[in-house]
Amino acid sequence: MHTASTDPADGPREGRLELRDGRTLAWAEWGDPDGRPVLGCHGSPSSRLEHHVEDPAAYRRWGVRLVVPDRPGFGVSDPQPGRRVTDWPADVVQLLDTLGIDRTAVLSLSGGAAYALACAHALPDRVSAVGVLGGAPPPDVPWPWPGWLPTSVRAAAHRPSAAATALLRPAFAPLTVRPQLLPRYLQLRLNPADRRVLGRPAVRRVLARTFSEGLRQGSGALAEDRALLFRPWGFPVGEVRRHVRIWHGTQDWQVPVALGRVLAAMLPSVDARWYPGEGHFLVFDHARDVYRELLS
């Protein structure tokens, strides 16, 4: 069973699906309902409201149908206790079947990379191409940890996922107090390129809305998501057979470019583009090229 809304043409058009195990999965759509589908794997924290343009009408002009589901515990999707990265493709299949989408490109931002690659690995007949914006590799190889990461986050990587989630939950709890201020906070912390992008009011509104919605249920989903990303993902990235495109800024503060290069080296079919001097949110300046290259 599923329900859907019919919001303005440029989105979001929203829906909720009752999955076979009884959980609710929420999603939002942007752009042309008859356009080329792109499944968005949102960042962490983020939500179904994540999109990569300041004016969503661009998706209709480009002939793109962007579908972004909330992962478990984010937004209004139900939690999935004990979930794994490799559980996500099963939810995706049910959503694609409900929406009548046979094949789709998959595009991830930041922490969504693991889930995009999991879909490509598990669903090679349903995924046509993969895009990764500012993504990190699995911790199968030693990570060059960024210096700004708190000790508690590094310590979590060496604990089982459930224990890591419990350790990280209080670390992320302050983000839930006023999540709409996260873009302002990031603007103060990030590199000049990201400060410039986040200096645009329309970008801040997009991020404030998706961060706030993503943290609607508290810090638990974020803690769980990060704990899963710091553990082996449950599938060999080197066996992802779909072509992967990577876009990564060399001055990315949140996911250092060294991590992007490690991920690129692990993939058997990859086209990586490194943007000199740009940061984590470079997609807001390059969205047209990103979508054109992903769907080419």
Protein backbone atom coordinates (compact mmCIF):
# COMPACT_ATOMS: atom_id res chain seq x y z
CA MET A 1 0.00 0.00 0.00
CA HIS A 2 1.27 3.46 -0.76
CA THR A 3 0.04 7.03 -0.67
CA ALA A 4 1.26 10.00 -2.69
CA SER A 5 0.66 13.71 -2.75
CA THR A 6 0.35 15.95 -5.80
CA ASP A 7 2.29 19.02 -4.79
CA PRO A 8 3.37 21.68 -7.32
CA ALA A 9 4.89 20.42 -10.55
CA ASP A 10 8.47 21.26 -9.62
CA GLY A 11 8.20 19.35 -6.36
CA PRO A 12 8.41 17.94 -4.01
CA ARG A 13 5.74 15.38 -4.79
CA GLU A 14 5.76 13.16 -1.74
CA GLY A 15 4.68 9.63 -0.98
CA ARG A 16 4.78 6.92 1.65
CA LEU A 17 5.03 3.19 1.06
CA GLU A 18 4.22 0.38 3.46
CA LEU A 19 7.04 -2.10 3.00
CA ARG A 20 6.55 -5.84 3.21
CA ASP A 21 7.87 -5.94 6.77
CA GLY A 22 5.37 -3.28 7.85
CA ARG A 23 7.75 -0.32 7.98
CA THR A 24 6.91 2.96 6.30
CA LEU A 25 9.28 4.31 3.65
CA ALA A 26 8.85 7.97 2.68
CA TRP A 27 10.11 9.56 -0.50
CA ALA A 28 9.99 12.82 -2.46
CA GLU A 29 10.15 13.41 -6.20
CA TRP A 30 11.44 16.40 -8.12
CA GLY A 31 11.23 17.30 -11.80
CA ASP A 32 9.55 15.60 -14.75
CA PRO A 33 7.38 12.56 -13.78
CA ASP A 34 8.11 11.16 -17.25
CA GLY A 35 11.79 12.10 -17.20
CA ARG A 36 14.88 9.95 -16.88
CA PRO A 37 14.87 8.56 -13.33
CA VAL A 38 17.64 9.23 -10.84
CA LEU A 39 17.49 7.66 -7.38
CA GLY A 40 19.03 9.99 -4.81
CA CYS A 41 20.91 8.48 -1.86
CA HIS A 42 20.95 11.36 0.60
CA GLY A 43 23.77 12.39 2.89
CA SER A 44 24.06 11.93 6.63
CA PRO A 45 22.23 13.74 8.14
CA SER A 46 19.76 14.52 5.41
CA SER A 47 16.41 13.40 4.09
CA ARG A 48 14.11 12.90 1.10
CA LEU A 49 14.08 16.69 0.69
CA GLU A 50 17.72 16.71 -0.47
CA HIS A 51 18.23 18.02 -3.99
CA HIS A 52 21.19 19.59 -5.72
CA VAL A 53 19.87 22.76 -7.34
CA GLU A 54 18.70 26.07 -5.96
CA ASP A 55 15.68 26.09 -8.29
CA PRO A 56 13.98 22.66 -8.55
CA ALA A 57 12.38 23.72 -11.84
CA ALA A 58 15.78 22.89 -13.39
CA TYR A 59 14.99 19.18 -13.10
CA ARG A 60 11.95 19.55 -15.32
CA ARG A 61 13.96 21.54 -17.87
CA TRP A 62 16.60 18.81 -17.91
CA GLY A 63 14.06 16.00 -18.26
CA VAL A 64 15.09 14.46 -14.93
CA ARG A 65 12.90 12.64 -12.42
CA LEU A 66 14.79 12.73 -9.11
CA VAL A 67 13.38 10.32 -6.51
CA VAL A 68 14.86 10.55 -3.00
CA PRO A 69 13.74 8.18 -0.24
CA ASP A 70 14.35 8.69 3.47
CA ARG A 71 16.63 5.98 4.83
CA PRO A 72 15.33 4.20 7.96
CA GLY A 73 14.95 6.56 10.91
CA PHE A 74 15.51 9.72 8.84
CA GLY A 75 12.64 12.06 8.00
CA VAL A 76 9.42 10.11 8.34
CA SER A 77 10.71 6.66 7.36
CA ASP A 78 10.40 4.15 10.19
CA PRO A 79 13.57 2.96 11.92
CA GLN A 80 14.92 -0.50 11.08
CA PRO A 81 16.65 -1.82 14.22
CA GLY A 82 19.81 -3.74 13.45
CA ARG A 83 19.87 -2.68 9.82
CA ARG A 84 22.92 -3.05 7.57
CA VAL A 85 24.06 -1.14 4.51
CA THR A 86 23.21 -4.23 2.46
CA ASP A 87 19.56 -4.11 3.59
CA TRP A 88 18.95 -0.88 1.67
CA PRO A 89 18.64 -2.36 -1.87
CA ALA A 90 15.63 -4.44 -0.78
CA ASP A 91 13.78 -1.26 0.22
CA VAL A 92 14.82 0.37 -3.03
CA VAL A 93 13.42 -2.49 -5.11
CA GLN A 94 10.02 -2.14 -3.46
CA LEU A 95 10.02 1.60 -4.09
CA LEU A 96 11.05 1.25 -7.74
CA ASP A 97 8.38 -1.39 -8.31
CA THR A 98 5.76 0.86 -6.72
CA LEU A 99 6.78 3.79 -8.91
CA GLY A 100 6.98 1.69 -12.09
CA ILE A 101 10.69 2.37 -12.58
CA ASP A 102 12.53 -0.51 -14.26
CA ARG A 103 16.01 1.03 -14.39
CA THR A 104 17.50 4.09 -12.78
CA ALA A 105 20.74 5.94 -12.33
CA VAL A 106 21.79 6.37 -8.70
CA LEU A 107 23.35 9.56 -7.34
CA SER A 108 24.75 9.94 -3.82
CA LEU A 109 26.00 12.86 -1.77
CA SER A 110 28.55 12.36 1.00
CA GLY A 111 27.37 9.59 3.37
CA GLY A 112 24.98 8.23 0.76
CA ALA A 113 27.86 6.70 -1.24
CA ALA A 114 27.76 3.36 0.59
CA TYR A 115 24.06 2.97 -0.19
CA ALA A 116 24.41 3.93 -3.84
CA LEU A 117 27.21 1.42 -4.33
CA ALA A 118 25.25 -1.25 -2.42
CA CYS A 119 22.39 -0.77 -4.89
CA ALA A 120 24.75 -1.05 -7.85
CA HIS A 121 26.25 -4.24 -6.43
CA ALA A 122 22.95 -5.92 -5.50
CA LEU A 123 20.78 -4.65 -8.36
CA PRO A 124 22.90 -4.61 -11.54
CA ASP A 125 19.78 -5.11 -13.68
CA ARG A 126 17.99 -2.14 -12.10
CA VAL A 127 20.89 0.35 -11.79
CA SER A 128 22.19 1.87 -15.03
CA ALA A 129 24.92 4.14 -13.64
CA VAL A 130 26.25 5.45 -10.34
CA GLY A 131 27.34 8.93 -9.30
CA VAL A 132 29.22 9.78 -6.08
CA LEU A 133 29.52 13.36 -4.87
CA GLY A 134 32.13 13.80 -2.14
CA GLY A 135 31.96 10.18 -0.99
CA ALA A 136 34.32 8.10 1.15
CA PRO A 137 35.40 4.46 0.74
CA PRO A 138 34.55 1.58 3.07
CA PRO A 139 37.02 1.09 5.92
CA ASP A 140 38.39 -2.10 4.33
CA VAL A 141 41.64 -0.22 3.99
CA PRO A 142 43.20 2.10 6.59
CA TRP A 143 41.46 5.45 6.48
CA PRO A 144 43.41 8.72 6.44
CA TRP A 145 41.21 10.14 9.20
CA PRO A 146 40.57 13.90 8.86
CA GLY A 147 42.04 15.78 11.78
CA TRP A 148 38.78 17.50 12.74
CA LEU A 149 36.99 14.22 13.61
CA PRO A 150 36.33 13.92 17.38
CA THR A 151 38.05 11.13 19.29
CA SER A 152 34.64 9.58 20.05
CA VAL A 153 33.95 9.18 16.33
CA ARG A 154 37.32 7.51 15.68
CA ALA A 155 36.79 5.22 18.66
CA ALA A 156 33.41 4.15 17.31
CA ALA A 157 35.03 2.67 14.22
CA HIS A 158 36.58 -0.08 16.38
CA ARG A 159 33.36 -1.15 18.08
CA PRO A 160 30.47 -3.33 16.87
CA SER A 161 27.78 -1.30 15.12
CA ALA A 162 25.30 -1.38 18.02
CA ALA A 163 27.95 -0.22 20.50
CA ALA A 164 29.17 2.42 18.06
CA THR A 165 25.63 3.73 17.64
CA ALA A 166 25.25 4.09 21.41
CA LEU A 167 28.60 5.88 21.61
CA LEU A 168 27.80 8.30 18.79
CA ARG A 169 24.21 9.17 19.73
CA PRO A 170 25.12 11.73 22.43
CA ALA A 171 27.89 13.12 20.21
CA PHE A 172 25.31 14.02 17.56
CA ALA A 173 22.45 14.99 19.90
CA PRO A 174 23.33 18.73 19.87
CA LEU A 175 22.62 18.81 16.12
CA THR A 176 18.96 18.10 16.80
CA VAL A 177 18.41 21.21 18.93
CA ARG A 178 18.36 23.71 16.06
CA PRO A 179 19.19 21.77 12.89
CA GLN A 180 18.09 24.67 10.70
CA LEU A 181 21.27 26.46 11.82
CA LEU A 182 23.59 23.72 10.53
CA PRO A 183 24.26 25.50 7.20
CA ARG A 184 25.36 28.62 9.09
CA TYR A 185 27.64 26.52 11.28
CA LEU A 186 29.13 24.80 8.24
CA GLN A 187 29.63 28.14 6.54
CA LEU A 188 31.94 29.14 9.40
CA ARG A 189 33.89 25.87 9.35
CA LEU A 190 34.32 24.97 5.70
CA ASN A 191 36.82 26.11 3.10
CA PRO A 192 36.39 29.37 1.12
CA ALA A 193 34.69 27.60 -1.80
CA ASP A 194 32.03 26.08 0.46
CA ARG A 195 31.62 29.35 2.33
CA ARG A 196 30.88 31.01 -0.98
CA VAL A 197 28.31 28.37 -1.93
CA LEU A 198 26.66 28.42 1.50
CA GLY A 199 26.67 32.19 1.37
CA ARG A 200 23.81 31.98 -1.14
CA PRO A 201 20.47 32.16 0.71
CA ALA A 202 18.80 29.65 -1.63
CA VAL A 203 21.46 27.01 -0.89
CA ARG A 204 21.15 27.58 2.85
CA ARG A 205 17.37 27.16 2.61
CA VAL A 206 17.75 23.84 0.75
CA LEU A 207 20.20 22.47 3.30
CA ALA A 208 18.38 23.82 6.37
CA ARG A 209 15.18 22.18 5.25
CA THR A 210 16.69 18.79 4.46
CA PHE A 211 18.85 18.72 7.62
CA SER A 212 15.89 19.66 9.81
CA GLU A 213 13.70 17.00 8.25
CA GLY A 214 16.44 14.39 8.44
CA LEU A 215 16.83 14.91 12.20
CA ARG A 216 13.08 14.96 12.86
CA GLN A 217 13.28 11.72 14.86
CA GLY A 218 16.39 12.72 16.82
CA SER A 219 20.04 11.74 16.60
CA GLY A 220 19.56 7.96 16.61
CA ALA A 221 19.35 7.48 12.83
CA LEU A 222 22.42 9.68 12.28
CA ALA A 223 24.42 7.78 14.91
CA GLU A 224 23.40 4.46 13.35
CA ASP A 225 24.21 5.67 9.84
CA ARG A 226 27.69 6.83 10.80
CA ALA A 227 28.34 3.63 12.76
CA LEU A 228 27.48 1.58 9.68
CA LEU A 229 29.73 3.66 7.43
CA PHE A 230 32.69 3.14 9.78
CA ARG A 231 32.30 -0.66 9.63
CA PRO A 232 32.78 -2.94 6.58
CA TRP A 233 29.77 -2.42 4.36
CA GLY A 234 29.04 -6.09 3.72
CA PHE A 235 29.90 -6.30 0.03
CA PRO A 236 33.13 -5.99 -1.97
CA VAL A 237 33.28 -2.57 -3.60
CA GLY A 238 35.71 -4.02 -6.11
CA GLU A 239 32.89 -6.16 -7.48
CA VAL A 240 30.61 -3.23 -8.38
CA ARG A 241 30.28 -3.71 -12.14
CA ARG A 242 28.30 -0.61 -13.01
CA HIS A 243 30.32 2.39 -14.17
CA VAL A 244 30.81 4.91 -11.37
CA ARG A 245 31.41 8.63 -11.78
CA ILE A 246 33.02 10.55 -8.92
CA TRP A 247 33.01 14.32 -8.43
CA HIS A 248 35.15 15.55 -5.54
CA GLY A 249 36.60 18.90 -4.50
CA THR A 250 40.27 18.98 -3.59
CA GLN A 251 39.50 21.25 -0.63
CA ASP A 252 36.62 19.16 0.74
CA TRP A 253 36.74 19.63 4.52
CA GLN A 254 34.17 16.98 5.44
CA VAL A 255 35.40 14.16 3.19
CA PRO A 256 39.04 14.88 2.32
CA VAL A 257 39.98 14.24 -1.28
CA ALA A 258 42.40 11.51 -0.15
CA LEU A 259 39.36 9.41 0.76
CA GLY A 260 37.79 10.04 -2.63
CA ARG A 261 40.99 8.86 -4.32
CA VAL A 262 40.99 5.67 -2.23
CA LEU A 263 37.41 4.96 -3.31
CA ALA A 264 38.26 5.56 -6.96
CA ALA A 265 41.18 3.14 -6.74
CA MET A 266 38.89 0.42 -5.35
CA LEU A 267 36.35 0.56 -8.20
CA PRO A 268 36.85 -1.49 -11.37
CA SER A 269 35.08 0.97 -13.69
CA VAL A 270 35.34 4.61 -12.66
CA ASP A 271 35.63 8.11 -14.05
CA ALA A 272 36.79 10.52 -11.35
CA ARG A 273 36.83 14.28 -11.64
CA TRP A 274 38.75 16.29 -9.07
CA TYR A 275 37.77 19.96 -8.78
CA PRO A 276 40.76 22.12 -7.73
CA GLY A 277 40.00 24.41 -4.82
CA GLU A 278 36.37 23.32 -4.47
CA GLY A 279 34.65 21.80 -1.48
CA HIS A 280 31.94 19.44 -0.25
CA PHE A 281 28.98 21.26 -1.78
CA LEU A 282 30.42 21.79 -5.25
CA VAL A 283 27.31 20.19 -6.80
CA PHE A 284 25.38 23.44 -6.39
CA ASP A 285 27.77 25.01 -8.90
CA HIS A 286 28.00 22.00 -11.23
CA ALA A 287 24.62 20.26 -11.06
CA ARG A 288 23.89 20.54 -14.78
CA ASP A 289 27.17 18.87 -15.71
CA VAL A 290 26.78 16.23 -12.99
CA TYR A 291 23.34 15.14 -14.20
CA ARG A 292 24.33 15.28 -17.85
CA GLU A 293 27.40 13.11 -17.26
CA LEU A 294 25.51 10.68 -15.02
CA LEU A 295 22.80 10.15 -17.61
CA SER A 296 25.02 10.17 -20.69
